C-alpha atoms as a PDB file:
ATOM      1  CA  MET A   1     -15.233 -55.515  14.955  1.00  0.00           C
ATOM      2  CA  SER A   2     -17.156 -55.858  11.822  1.00  0.00           C
ATOM      3  CA  ALA A   3     -20.095 -53.893  13.562  1.00  0.00           C
ATOM      4  CA  ILE A   4     -17.726 -51.115  14.079  1.00  0.00           C
ATOM      5  CA  ILE A   5     -16.199 -50.868  10.516  1.00  0.00           C
ATOM      6  CA  GLU A   6     -19.761 -51.039   8.904  1.00  0.00           C
ATOM      7  CA  LYS A   7     -20.899 -48.249  11.455  1.00  0.00           C
ATOM      8  CA  SER A   8     -18.035 -46.498  10.048  1.00  0.00           C
ATOM      9  CA  GLU A   9     -18.824 -46.967   6.463  1.00  0.00           C
ATOM     10  CA  GLU A  10     -22.294 -45.673   7.037  1.00  0.00           C
ATOM     11  CA  VAL A  11     -20.916 -42.567   8.671  1.00  0.00           C
ATOM     12  CA  ARG A  12     -18.779 -41.829   5.643  1.00  0.00           C
ATOM     13  CA  MET A  13     -21.737 -42.409   3.207  1.00  0.00           C
ATOM     14  CA  ASP A  14     -23.796 -39.867   5.371  1.00  0.00           C
ATOM     15  CA  ASN A  15     -20.850 -37.384   5.339  1.00  0.00           C
ATOM     16  CA  VAL A  16     -20.573 -37.725   1.599  1.00  0.00           C
ATOM     17  CA  SER A  17     -24.321 -37.499   1.212  1.00  0.00           C
ATOM     18  CA  SER A  18     -24.334 -34.462   3.209  1.00  0.00           C
ATOM     19  CA  TYR A  19     -21.281 -32.761   1.368  1.00  0.00           C
ATOM     20  CA  GLU A  20     -23.151 -33.685  -2.019  1.00  0.00           C
ATOM     21  CA  GLN A  21     -26.205 -31.913  -0.847  1.00  0.00           C
ATOM     22  CA  ARG A  22     -24.389 -28.991   0.060  1.00  0.00           C
ATOM     23  CA  CYS A  23     -22.569 -28.672  -3.257  1.00  0.00           C
ATOM     24  CA  ALA A  24     -25.277 -29.782  -5.412  1.00  0.00           C
ATOM     25  CA  PRO A  25     -25.629 -28.246  -8.764  1.00  0.00           C
ATOM     26  CA  SER A  26     -28.722 -26.826  -7.510  1.00  0.00           C
ATOM     27  CA  ALA A  27     -27.175 -24.517  -5.477  1.00  0.00           C
ATOM     28  CA  SER A  28     -26.902 -21.057  -6.969  1.00  0.00           C
ATOM     29  CA  LEU A  29     -23.187 -19.609  -7.992  1.00  0.00           C
ATOM     30  CA  ALA A  30     -24.369 -16.631  -6.234  1.00  0.00           C
ATOM     31  CA  ASP A  31     -24.979 -18.214  -3.152  1.00  0.00           C
ATOM     32  CA  CYS A  32     -21.526 -19.917  -3.344  1.00  0.00           C
ATOM     33  CA  ASP A  33     -19.590 -16.697  -3.911  1.00  0.00           C
ATOM     34  CA  GLN A  34     -21.659 -15.205  -0.944  1.00  0.00           C
ATOM     35  CA  ARG A  35     -20.354 -17.749   1.240  1.00  0.00           C
ATOM     36  CA  THR A  36     -17.021 -17.331   0.106  1.00  0.00           C
ATOM     37  CA  THR A  37     -17.155 -13.452   0.591  1.00  0.00           C
ATOM     38  CA  PHE A  38     -18.512 -13.548   3.819  1.00  0.00           C
ATOM     39  CA  PRO A  39     -17.738 -16.527   5.821  1.00  0.00           C
ATOM     40  CA  ASN A  40     -18.806 -14.974   9.020  1.00  0.00           C
ATOM     41  CA  ARG A  41     -20.718 -11.982  10.305  1.00  0.00           C
ATOM     42  CA  TRP A  42     -17.574  -9.763  10.892  1.00  0.00           C
ATOM     43  CA  SER A  43     -16.572 -10.071   7.154  1.00  0.00           C
ATOM     44  CA  ARG A  44     -19.927  -8.834   6.174  1.00  0.00           C
ATOM     45  CA  PHE A  45     -19.533  -6.127   8.737  1.00  0.00           C
ATOM     46  CA  ARG A  46     -16.252  -5.193   7.329  1.00  0.00           C
ATOM     47  CA  TYR A  47     -17.174  -5.023   4.020  1.00  0.00           C
ATOM     48  CA  VAL A  48     -19.519  -2.289   4.527  1.00  0.00           C
ATOM     49  CA  ILE A  49     -17.182  -0.003   6.634  1.00  0.00           C
ATOM     50  CA  ARG A  50     -13.770  -1.166   4.874  1.00  0.00           C
ATOM     51  CA  GLU A  51     -13.811   2.070   2.801  1.00  0.00           C
ATOM     52  CA  PRO A  52     -14.141   4.485   6.092  1.00  0.00           C
ATOM     53  CA  ALA A  53     -11.627   2.295   7.718  1.00  0.00           C
ATOM     54  CA  ALA A  54      -8.981   2.236   5.330  1.00  0.00           C
ATOM     55  CA  GLU A  55      -9.029   5.858   5.439  1.00  0.00           C
ATOM     56  CA  PHE A  56      -9.196   6.244   9.188  1.00  0.00           C
ATOM     57  CA  LEU A  57      -6.011   3.362   9.382  1.00  0.00           C
ATOM     58  CA  GLY A  58      -4.219   4.945   6.241  1.00  0.00           C
ATOM     59  CA  THR A  59      -4.877   8.816   8.150  1.00  0.00           C
ATOM     60  CA  MET A  60      -3.756   7.635  11.437  1.00  0.00           C
ATOM     61  CA  ILE A  61      -0.361   6.304   9.936  1.00  0.00           C
ATOM     62  CA  PHE A  62       0.404   9.153   8.280  1.00  0.00           C
ATOM     63  CA  VAL A  63      -0.167  11.465  10.987  1.00  0.00           C
ATOM     64  CA  THR A  64       1.723   9.226  13.214  1.00  0.00           C
ATOM     65  CA  LEU A  65       4.962   9.357  11.423  1.00  0.00           C
ATOM     66  CA  GLY A  66       4.474  13.127  10.513  1.00  0.00           C
ATOM     67  CA  THR A  67       3.770  14.722  13.747  1.00  0.00           C
ATOM     68  CA  GLY A  68       6.025  11.643  15.449  1.00  0.00           C
ATOM     69  CA  VAL A  69       8.895  13.012  13.323  1.00  0.00           C
ATOM     70  CA  ASN A  70       8.169  16.401  14.684  1.00  0.00           C
ATOM     71  CA  CYS A  71       8.089  15.516  18.431  1.00  0.00           C
ATOM     72  CA  GLN A  72      11.608  13.744  17.627  1.00  0.00           C
ATOM     73  CA  VAL A  73      13.264  16.376  16.029  1.00  0.00           C
ATOM     74  CA  PHE A  74      12.095  19.408  17.922  1.00  0.00           C
ATOM     75  CA  LEU A  75      11.886  17.748  21.674  1.00  0.00           C
ATOM     76  CA  SER A  76      15.563  16.414  21.007  1.00  0.00           C
ATOM     77  CA  ILE A  77      16.696  20.101  20.757  1.00  0.00           C
ATOM     78  CA  ASN A  78      16.179  20.151  24.578  1.00  0.00           C
ATOM     79  CA  PRO A  79      19.386  19.222  26.145  1.00  0.00           C
ATOM     80  CA  ASN A  80      17.330  17.698  29.101  1.00  0.00           C
ATOM     81  CA  VAL A  81      15.778  15.091  26.850  1.00  0.00           C
ATOM     82  CA  GLU A  82      18.724  13.970  24.457  1.00  0.00           C
ATOM     83  CA  VAL A  83      22.247  14.879  24.135  1.00  0.00           C
ATOM     84  CA  VAL A  84      22.308  15.118  20.567  1.00  0.00           C
ATOM     85  CA  PRO A  85      19.566  16.655  18.668  1.00  0.00           C
ATOM     86  CA  ARG A  86      17.830  13.605  16.433  1.00  0.00           C
ATOM     87  CA  GLY A  87      17.124  15.293  13.203  1.00  0.00           C
ATOM     88  CA  ASP A  88      16.659  18.413  11.181  1.00  0.00           C
ATOM     89  CA  PHE A  89      14.330  20.484   8.742  1.00  0.00           C
ATOM     90  CA  LEU A  90      14.970  17.695   6.218  1.00  0.00           C
ATOM     91  CA  SER A  91      13.987  14.874   8.658  1.00  0.00           C
ATOM     92  CA  LEU A  92      10.774  16.415   9.063  1.00  0.00           C
ATOM     93  CA  ASN A  93       9.999  16.634   5.342  1.00  0.00           C
ATOM     94  CA  PHE A  94      11.314  12.685   4.862  1.00  0.00           C
ATOM     95  CA  GLY A  95       9.022  11.958   8.004  1.00  0.00           C
ATOM     96  CA  TRP A  96       5.991  13.557   6.537  1.00  0.00           C
ATOM     97  CA  ALA A  97       6.827  12.233   2.982  1.00  0.00           C
ATOM     98  CA  ALA A  98       6.962   8.854   4.210  1.00  0.00           C
ATOM     99  CA  GLY A  99       3.728   9.147   6.026  1.00  0.00           C
ATOM    100  CA  VAL A 100       1.772  10.296   3.010  1.00  0.00           C
ATOM    101  CA  ALA A 101       3.270   7.092   0.976  1.00  0.00           C
ATOM    102  CA  LEU A 102       2.828   4.685   3.533  1.00  0.00           C
ATOM    103  CA  GLY A 103      -0.751   5.993   4.433  1.00  0.00           C
ATOM    104  CA  VAL A 104      -1.764   5.810   0.483  1.00  0.00           C
ATOM    105  CA  TRP A 105      -0.233   2.390   0.315  1.00  0.00           C
ATOM    106  CA  ILE A 106      -2.514   0.831   3.139  1.00  0.00           C
ATOM    107  CA  ALA A 107      -5.539   2.930   2.124  1.00  0.00           C
ATOM    108  CA  GLY A 108      -5.118   3.056  -1.968  1.00  0.00           C
ATOM    109  CA  GLY A 109      -6.384  -0.217  -3.110  1.00  0.00           C
ATOM    110  CA  ILE A 110      -9.403   0.185  -0.754  1.00  0.00           C
ATOM    111  CA  SER A 111     -10.865   3.716  -0.689  1.00  0.00           C
ATOM    112  CA  GLY A 112      -8.419   5.487  -3.061  1.00  0.00           C
ATOM    113  CA  GLY A 113      -6.435   6.522  -0.214  1.00  0.00           C
ATOM    114  CA  HIS A 114      -7.508  10.468   0.080  1.00  0.00           C
ATOM    115  CA  LEU A 115      -6.380  10.970   3.333  1.00  0.00           C
ATOM    116  CA  ASN A 116      -7.522  14.555   3.170  1.00  0.00           C
ATOM    117  CA  PRO A 117     -10.823  16.014   3.325  1.00  0.00           C
ATOM    118  CA  ALA A 118     -10.101  18.719   1.010  1.00  0.00           C
ATOM    119  CA  ILE A 119      -9.237  16.227  -1.910  1.00  0.00           C
ATOM    120  CA  THR A 120     -12.377  14.365  -1.010  1.00  0.00           C
ATOM    121  CA  PHE A 121     -14.299  17.203  -1.577  1.00  0.00           C
ATOM    122  CA  THR A 122     -12.404  18.327  -4.800  1.00  0.00           C
ATOM    123  CA  LEU A 123     -12.669  14.775  -6.081  1.00  0.00           C
ATOM    124  CA  ALA A 124     -16.356  14.660  -5.329  1.00  0.00           C
ATOM    125  CA  VAL A 125     -16.629  18.032  -7.456  1.00  0.00           C
ATOM    126  CA  PHE A 126     -14.340  17.433 -10.338  1.00  0.00           C
ATOM    127  CA  ARG A 127     -14.317  13.440 -10.640  1.00  0.00           C
ATOM    128  CA  GLY A 128     -17.776  12.271  -9.816  1.00  0.00           C
ATOM    129  CA  PHE A 129     -16.657  10.847  -6.383  1.00  0.00           C
ATOM    130  CA  PRO A 130     -20.108   9.880  -4.765  1.00  0.00           C
ATOM    131  CA  TRP A 131     -21.308  12.683  -2.431  1.00  0.00           C
ATOM    132  CA  GLU A 132     -22.854  10.074  -0.180  1.00  0.00           C
ATOM    133  CA  LYS A 133     -19.670   9.036   0.347  1.00  0.00           C
ATOM    134  CA  VAL A 134     -18.039  12.179   1.217  1.00  0.00           C
ATOM    135  CA  PRO A 135     -19.386  12.565   5.211  1.00  0.00           C
ATOM    136  CA  PHE A 136     -17.914   9.015   5.941  1.00  0.00           C
ATOM    137  CA  TYR A 137     -14.797   9.435   4.354  1.00  0.00           C
ATOM    138  CA  ILE A 138     -14.264  13.033   6.259  1.00  0.00           C
ATOM    139  CA  PHE A 139     -15.269  11.682   9.568  1.00  0.00           C
ATOM    140  CA  ALA A 140     -13.111   8.926   9.148  1.00  0.00           C
ATOM    141  CA  GLN A 141     -10.268  11.096   8.491  1.00  0.00           C
ATOM    142  CA  LEU A 142     -10.582  13.356  11.197  1.00  0.00           C
ATOM    143  CA  LEU A 143     -10.845  10.464  13.511  1.00  0.00           C
ATOM    144  CA  GLY A 144      -7.688   8.683  11.967  1.00  0.00           C
ATOM    145  CA  ALA A 145      -5.850  11.914  12.657  1.00  0.00           C
ATOM    146  CA  PHE A 146      -7.213  12.208  15.893  1.00  0.00           C
ATOM    147  CA  CYS A 147      -5.864   9.098  16.965  1.00  0.00           C
ATOM    148  CA  GLY A 148      -2.483   9.440  15.491  1.00  0.00           C
ATOM    149  CA  GLY A 149      -1.770  12.733  17.485  1.00  0.00           C
ATOM    150  CA  GLY A 150      -3.221  10.777  20.381  1.00  0.00           C
ATOM    151  CA  VAL A 151      -0.814   8.022  19.701  1.00  0.00           C
ATOM    152  CA  VAL A 152       2.098  10.240  18.999  1.00  0.00           C
ATOM    153  CA  TYR A 153       1.433  12.222  22.708  1.00  0.00           C
ATOM    154  CA  ALA A 154       1.482   9.009  24.197  1.00  0.00           C
ATOM    155  CA  ASN A 155       4.650   8.267  23.036  1.00  0.00           C
ATOM    156  CA  ASN A 156       6.280  11.728  23.870  1.00  0.00           C
ATOM    157  CA  PHE A 157       4.460  12.784  26.631  1.00  0.00           C
ATOM    158  CA  HIS A 158       7.643  12.058  29.240  1.00  0.00           C
ATOM    159  CA  ALA A 159       9.804  14.321  26.615  1.00  0.00           C
ATOM    160  CA  ILE A 160       7.044  16.845  26.705  1.00  0.00           C
ATOM    161  CA  ASP A 161       6.817  17.013  30.435  1.00  0.00           C
ATOM    162  CA  ILE A 162      10.667  17.828  30.458  1.00  0.00           C
ATOM    163  CA  VAL A 163      10.277  21.044  27.795  1.00  0.00           C
ATOM    164  CA  GLU A 164       7.343  22.095  29.065  1.00  0.00           C
ATOM    165  CA  GLY A 165       8.806  22.217  32.724  1.00  0.00           C
ATOM    166  CA  GLY A 166       6.082  19.799  34.550  1.00  0.00           C
ATOM    167  CA  PRO A 167       3.032  17.500  33.658  1.00  0.00           C
ATOM    168  CA  ASP A 168       0.678  20.157  34.209  1.00  0.00           C
ATOM    169  CA  ILE A 169       1.721  22.774  31.855  1.00  0.00           C
ATOM    170  CA  ARG A 170       0.814  22.630  28.254  1.00  0.00           C
ATOM    171  CA  THR A 171       1.408  25.746  26.206  1.00  0.00           C
ATOM    172  CA  ILE A 172       1.144  26.035  22.216  1.00  0.00           C
ATOM    173  CA  ASN A 173       4.440  27.308  21.993  1.00  0.00           C
ATOM    174  CA  GLY A 174       5.841  24.830  23.926  1.00  0.00           C
ATOM    175  CA  SER A 175       4.916  21.622  22.332  1.00  0.00           C
ATOM    176  CA  GLY A 176       1.252  22.267  21.325  1.00  0.00           C
ATOM    177  CA  ASP A 177       3.013  23.261  17.824  1.00  0.00           C
ATOM    178  CA  LEU A 178       4.550  19.663  17.331  1.00  0.00           C
ATOM    179  CA  LEU A 179       0.796  18.156  17.222  1.00  0.00           C
ATOM    180  CA  ALA A 180      -1.286  20.960  15.201  1.00  0.00           C
ATOM    181  CA  THR A 181       0.105  23.708  12.855  1.00  0.00           C
ATOM    182  CA  TYR A 182       0.596  27.528  13.460  1.00  0.00           C
ATOM    183  CA  ALA A 183       1.992  30.084  11.380  1.00  0.00           C
ATOM    184  CA  ALA A 184       5.202  32.000  11.936  1.00  0.00           C
ATOM    185  CA  SER A 185       4.863  34.883  13.966  1.00  0.00           C
ATOM    186  CA  PHE A 186       6.001  37.444  10.698  1.00  0.00           C
ATOM    187  CA  LEU A 187       3.081  36.400   8.472  1.00  0.00           C
ATOM    188  CA  THR A 188      -0.085  38.402   8.021  1.00  0.00           C
ATOM    189  CA  PRO A 189      -3.654  36.799   7.833  1.00  0.00           C
ATOM    190  CA  VAL A 190      -3.405  37.179   4.201  1.00  0.00           C
ATOM    191  CA  SER A 191       0.166  35.502   3.873  1.00  0.00           C
ATOM    192  CA  CYS A 192      -1.110  32.656   5.905  1.00  0.00           C
ATOM    193  CA  PHE A 193      -4.084  32.114   3.913  1.00  0.00           C
ATOM    194  CA  PHE A 194      -1.911  32.248   0.632  1.00  0.00           C
ATOM    195  CA  SER A 195       0.866  29.687   1.790  1.00  0.00           C
ATOM    196  CA  GLU A 196      -1.754  27.201   2.592  1.00  0.00           C
ATOM    197  CA  PHE A 197      -3.567  27.883  -0.749  1.00  0.00           C
ATOM    198  CA  LEU A 198      -0.784  27.553  -3.030  1.00  0.00           C
ATOM    199  CA  GLY A 199       0.863  24.177  -1.475  1.00  0.00           C
ATOM    200  CA  SER A 200      -2.556  22.842  -1.457  1.00  0.00           C
ATOM    201  CA  ALA A 201      -3.228  23.820  -5.261  1.00  0.00           C
ATOM    202  CA  ILE A 202      -0.007  22.392  -6.320  1.00  0.00           C
ATOM    203  CA  LEU A 203      -0.699  18.851  -4.302  1.00  0.00           C
ATOM    204  CA  ILE A 204      -4.065  18.527  -6.011  1.00  0.00           C
ATOM    205  CA  ILE A 205      -2.564  19.300  -9.728  1.00  0.00           C
ATOM    206  CA  ALA A 206      -0.269  16.567  -9.052  1.00  0.00           C
ATOM    207  CA  VAL A 207      -2.366  14.232  -7.673  1.00  0.00           C
ATOM    208  CA  LEU A 208      -4.788  14.543 -10.823  1.00  0.00           C
ATOM    209  CA  CYS A 209      -1.519  13.970 -12.701  1.00  0.00           C
ATOM    210  CA  ILE A 210      -0.234  11.230 -11.028  1.00  0.00           C
ATOM    211  CA  THR A 211      -3.731   9.573 -11.640  1.00  0.00           C
ATOM    212  CA  ASP A 212      -4.469  11.004 -15.236  1.00  0.00           C
ATOM    213  CA  LYS A 213      -4.091   7.799 -17.721  1.00  0.00           C
ATOM    214  CA  LYS A 214      -3.422  10.034 -20.490  1.00  0.00           C
ATOM    215  CA  ASN A 215      -0.367  12.184 -18.584  1.00  0.00           C
ATOM    216  CA  GLY A 216       2.154   9.390 -18.141  1.00  0.00           C
ATOM    217  CA  PRO A 217       0.882   7.653 -14.703  1.00  0.00           C
ATOM    218  CA  PRO A 218       3.455   6.063 -12.975  1.00  0.00           C
ATOM    219  CA  PRO A 219       3.519   2.000 -13.004  1.00  0.00           C
ATOM    220  CA  GLN A 220       0.856   0.685 -11.132  1.00  0.00           C
ATOM    221  CA  GLY A 221       1.655   0.245  -7.323  1.00  0.00           C
ATOM    222  CA  LEU A 222       4.013   3.437  -7.471  1.00  0.00           C
ATOM    223  CA  VAL A 223       1.592   6.144  -7.043  1.00  0.00           C
ATOM    224  CA  PRO A 224       2.726   6.309  -3.021  1.00  0.00           C
ATOM    225  CA  LEU A 225       6.339   6.812  -4.139  1.00  0.00           C
ATOM    226  CA  ALA A 226       5.210   9.521  -6.515  1.00  0.00           C
ATOM    227  CA  LEU A 227       3.450  11.280  -3.824  1.00  0.00           C
ATOM    228  CA  PHE A 228       6.476  10.691  -1.474  1.00  0.00           C
ATOM    229  CA  ILE A 229       8.459  12.776  -4.023  1.00  0.00           C
ATOM    230  CA  VAL A 230       5.358  15.336  -4.438  1.00  0.00           C
ATOM    231  CA  VAL A 231       5.229  16.006  -0.342  1.00  0.00           C
ATOM    232  CA  LEU A 232       8.967  16.169  -0.157  1.00  0.00           C
ATOM    233  CA  GLY A 233       9.361  18.777  -2.722  1.00  0.00           C
ATOM    234  CA  LEU A 234       6.522  20.638  -1.155  1.00  0.00           C
ATOM    235  CA  GLY A 235       7.722  20.600   2.504  1.00  0.00           C
ATOM    236  CA  THR A 236      11.509  21.654   1.383  1.00  0.00           C
ATOM    237  CA  SER A 237      10.444  24.276  -0.772  1.00  0.00           C
ATOM    238  CA  LEU A 238       7.144  25.704   1.054  1.00  0.00           C
ATOM    239  CA  GLY A 239       6.985  24.295   4.237  1.00  0.00           C
ATOM    240  CA  MET A 240       8.687  26.963   6.255  1.00  0.00           C
ATOM    241  CA  ASN A 241       5.526  29.438   6.942  1.00  0.00           C
ATOM    242  CA  THR A 242       2.774  27.489   7.971  1.00  0.00           C
ATOM    243  CA  SER A 243       4.272  23.896   8.346  1.00  0.00           C
ATOM    244  CA  TYR A 244       2.519  23.262   5.126  1.00  0.00           C
ATOM    245  CA  SER A 245      -0.626  21.564   6.568  1.00  0.00           C
ATOM    246  CA  LEU A 246      -2.492  21.180   3.254  1.00  0.00           C
ATOM    247  CA  ASN A 247      -4.917  18.795   5.122  1.00  0.00           C
ATOM    248  CA  PRO A 248      -7.648  19.832   7.205  1.00  0.00           C
ATOM    249  CA  ALA A 249      -7.677  16.552   9.002  1.00  0.00           C
ATOM    250  CA  ARG A 250      -4.115  16.283   9.592  1.00  0.00           C
ATOM    251  CA  ASP A 251      -4.325  19.387  11.629  1.00  0.00           C
ATOM    252  CA  LEU A 252      -7.876  19.569  13.111  1.00  0.00           C
ATOM    253  CA  GLY A 253      -7.567  15.806  14.261  1.00  0.00           C
ATOM    254  CA  PRO A 254      -4.514  16.528  16.451  1.00  0.00           C
ATOM    255  CA  ARG A 255      -5.886  20.218  17.559  1.00  0.00           C
ATOM    256  CA  LEU A 256      -8.965  18.798  18.898  1.00  0.00           C
ATOM    257  CA  PHE A 257      -6.711  15.931  20.524  1.00  0.00           C
ATOM    258  CA  THR A 258      -4.635  18.861  21.967  1.00  0.00           C
ATOM    259  CA  ALA A 259      -7.523  20.426  23.472  1.00  0.00           C
ATOM    260  CA  ALA A 260      -8.561  17.602  25.130  1.00  0.00           C
ATOM    261  CA  VAL A 261      -5.493  16.877  26.870  1.00  0.00           C
ATOM    262  CA  GLY A 262      -4.613  20.529  28.420  1.00  0.00           C
ATOM    263  CA  TYR A 263      -3.640  22.776  25.917  1.00  0.00           C
ATOM    264  CA  GLY A 264      -7.108  24.457  26.281  1.00  0.00           C
ATOM    265  CA  THR A 265      -9.276  26.665  23.863  1.00  0.00           C
ATOM    266  CA  ALA A 266      -6.282  28.690  22.740  1.00  0.00           C
ATOM    267  CA  VAL A 267      -5.610  26.142  20.195  1.00  0.00           C
ATOM    268  CA  PHE A 268      -8.801  27.449  18.595  1.00  0.00           C
ATOM    269  CA  THR A 269      -8.867  30.983  19.373  1.00  0.00           C
ATOM    270  CA  TYR A 270      -5.318  31.309  17.835  1.00  0.00           C
ATOM    271  CA  ARG A 271      -5.289  34.169  15.252  1.00  0.00           C
ATOM    272  CA  ASN A 272      -8.848  34.604  15.358  1.00  0.00           C
ATOM    273  CA  GLN A 273      -9.764  30.352  14.571  1.00  0.00           C
ATOM    274  CA  TYR A 274      -6.675  30.289  12.571  1.00  0.00           C
ATOM    275  CA  TRP A 275      -7.853  26.735  11.959  1.00  0.00           C
ATOM    276  CA  LEU A 276     -10.991  27.738  10.157  1.00  0.00           C
ATOM    277  CA  TRP A 277      -9.894  30.381   7.613  1.00  0.00           C
ATOM    278  CA  CYS A 278      -6.558  29.214   7.081  1.00  0.00           C
ATOM    279  CA  ILE A 279      -6.038  25.338   7.872  1.00  0.00           C
ATOM    280  CA  VAL A 280      -9.685  24.474   6.618  1.00  0.00           C
ATOM    281  CA  LEU A 281     -10.731  26.948   3.537  1.00  0.00           C
ATOM    282  CA  GLY A 282      -6.987  27.578   2.641  1.00  0.00           C
ATOM    283  CA  PRO A 283      -6.616  23.893   1.432  1.00  0.00           C
ATOM    284  CA  VAL A 284     -10.165  23.520   0.363  1.00  0.00           C
ATOM    285  CA  THR A 285     -10.073  26.732  -1.875  1.00  0.00           C
ATOM    286  CA  GLY A 286      -6.611  25.914  -2.830  1.00  0.00           C
ATOM    287  CA  MET A 287      -7.639  22.245  -4.199  1.00  0.00           C
ATOM    288  CA  LEU A 288     -10.683  23.820  -6.089  1.00  0.00           C
ATOM    289  CA  CYS A 289      -8.545  26.187  -7.991  1.00  0.00           C
ATOM    290  CA  GLY A 290      -5.705  23.833  -8.783  1.00  0.00           C
ATOM    291  CA  ALA A 291      -8.202  21.003  -9.899  1.00  0.00           C
ATOM    292  CA  PHE A 292      -9.869  23.881 -12.122  1.00  0.00           C
ATOM    293  CA  ILE A 293      -6.832  24.841 -13.532  1.00  0.00           C
ATOM    294  CA  TYR A 294      -5.716  21.078 -14.429  1.00  0.00           C
ATOM    295  CA  ASP A 295      -9.007  20.158 -15.892  1.00  0.00           C
ATOM    296  CA  THR A 296      -9.079  23.422 -18.010  1.00  0.00           C
ATOM    297  CA  LEU A 297      -5.715  23.363 -19.415  1.00  0.00           C
ATOM    298  CA  ILE A 298      -4.958  19.920 -19.507  1.00  0.00           C
ATOM    299  CA  PHE A 299      -7.215  16.745 -18.509  1.00  0.00           C
ATOM    300  CA  GLN A 300      -9.743  15.327 -21.042  1.00  0.00           C
ATOM    301  CA  GLY A 301     -11.596  12.908 -19.201  1.00  0.00           C
ATOM    302  CA  LYS A 302     -15.473  13.174 -19.482  1.00  0.00           C
ATOM    303  CA  GLU A 303     -15.799  12.767 -15.813  1.00  0.00           C
ATOM    304  CA  SER A 304     -14.760  16.005 -15.107  1.00  0.00           C
ATOM    305  CA  ILE A 305     -17.438  19.256 -15.056  1.00  0.00           C
ATOM    306  CA  ILE A 306     -15.212  21.219 -17.230  1.00  0.00           C
ATOM    307  CA  ASN A 307     -15.516  18.204 -20.190  1.00  0.00           C
ATOM    308  CA  LYS A 308     -19.119  18.023 -19.832  1.00  0.00           C
ATOM    309  CA  PRO A 309     -20.690  18.127 -23.465  1.00  0.00           C
ATOM    310  CA  ASN A 310     -22.795  20.968 -24.023  1.00  0.00           C
ATOM    311  CA  THR A 311     -26.542  21.185 -25.219  1.00  0.00           C
ATOM    312  CA  GLN A 312     -25.313  21.141 -29.083  1.00  0.00           C
ATOM    313  CA  ILE A 313     -23.514  17.958 -28.671  1.00  0.00           C
ATOM    314  CA  THR A 314     -25.708  16.538 -26.146  1.00  0.00           C
ATOM    315  CA  ASP A 315     -28.447  16.790 -28.886  1.00  0.00           C
ATOM    316  CA  ARG A 316     -26.224  15.091 -31.765  1.00  0.00           C
ATOM    317  CA  CYS A 317     -24.777  12.314 -29.039  1.00  0.00           C
ATOM    318  CA  PRO A 318     -27.692   9.946 -29.170  1.00  0.00           C
ATOM    319  CA  HIS A 319     -27.769   9.765 -32.894  1.00  0.00           C
ATOM    320  CA  ALA A 320     -23.639   9.063 -32.981  1.00  0.00           C
ATOM    321  CA  CYS A 321     -24.138   6.512 -30.384  1.00  0.00           C
ATOM    322  CA  GLN A 322     -26.848   4.676 -32.191  1.00  0.00           C
ATOM    323  CA  GLY A 323     -24.518   4.484 -35.250  1.00  0.00           C
ATOM    324  CA  GLN A 324     -21.306   3.427 -33.175  1.00  0.00           C
ATOM    325  CA  SER A 325     -23.413   0.685 -31.669  1.00  0.00           C
ATOM    326  CA  GLY A 326     -24.638  -0.535 -34.857  1.00  0.00           C
ATOM    327  CA  GLU A 327     -21.144  -0.616 -36.267  1.00  0.00           C
ATOM    328  CA  LEU A 328     -19.469  -2.719 -33.163  1.00  0.00           C
ATOM    329  CA  SER A 329     -22.596  -5.071 -33.590  1.00  0.00           C
ATOM    330  CA  ALA A 330     -22.260  -5.629 -37.141  1.00  0.00           C
ATOM    331  CA  GLU A 331     -18.423  -6.515 -36.478  1.00  0.00           C
ATOM    332  CA  ASN A 332     -19.230  -8.822 -33.695  1.00  0.00           C
ATOM    333  CA  GLU A 333     -21.618 -10.596 -35.981  1.00  0.00           C
ATOM    334  CA  ALA A 334     -18.854 -10.927 -38.868  1.00  0.00           C
END
């Protein structure tokens, strides 16, 4: 018995000794922090991909809720699907606004919650967002939108079969326009482009205003709620003409999915590549214009290209900065 106790005591002392070695003062604080941050290989890999992953997940949830409400409202109109329609135009706008808010809530703290290639590109131009991140963000957004459209299609394909008239029938007018966006038939090409341009310009002005610390931003954590109001307003005001895509990924992701599941090349040839000149170029040019207007008239931050100092100020800046530095040092010493 005493031998067992002595053996147990030796084991305990060995454990204490090994613990003290692991936690010895000689171990650098950086090593301890690294072990805490990356406890395993997956955590290290996740750290590398977390920003694009956040954009992917946020965009997928956003598109899932948005295209999901499209399917629920319009498919339920068919009496063979539902006896009573499940929603109206206001339901559509609430669904898309909720999708944007939830997507930004998911991704905002990690990646900024862009969820939109046009916003990512505009922030790179006007806010110094790193250009090397732009391709990864856009790819993640497109992939998220593609998967979001796929999830909604999988959830509603039985109802789509009923509306289309069979599992082998897929048309743009029947159900394709529930996932991707298509313009109203009475619009000219110029009107289509202008509708997307206008909505996108207003959207980016609202985004820049909400994130401008010198212009009454919402309290911390309430940016998604502010964006909910913005998208709801845009949808109820400007949503009729082109279904207010305002986001190349929101349209192109589900459009690629519909092409893959039987809707054919018509989704791309519609109105002479409508997806390109309206859904991609409309939001991009609209947001660039909106950001230019906001920065020219309101924004004072130095990160904007509109507020870059001219040559005369640049020449004087080093002397002023040295003087300010000396004053700060003197104050700190005092």
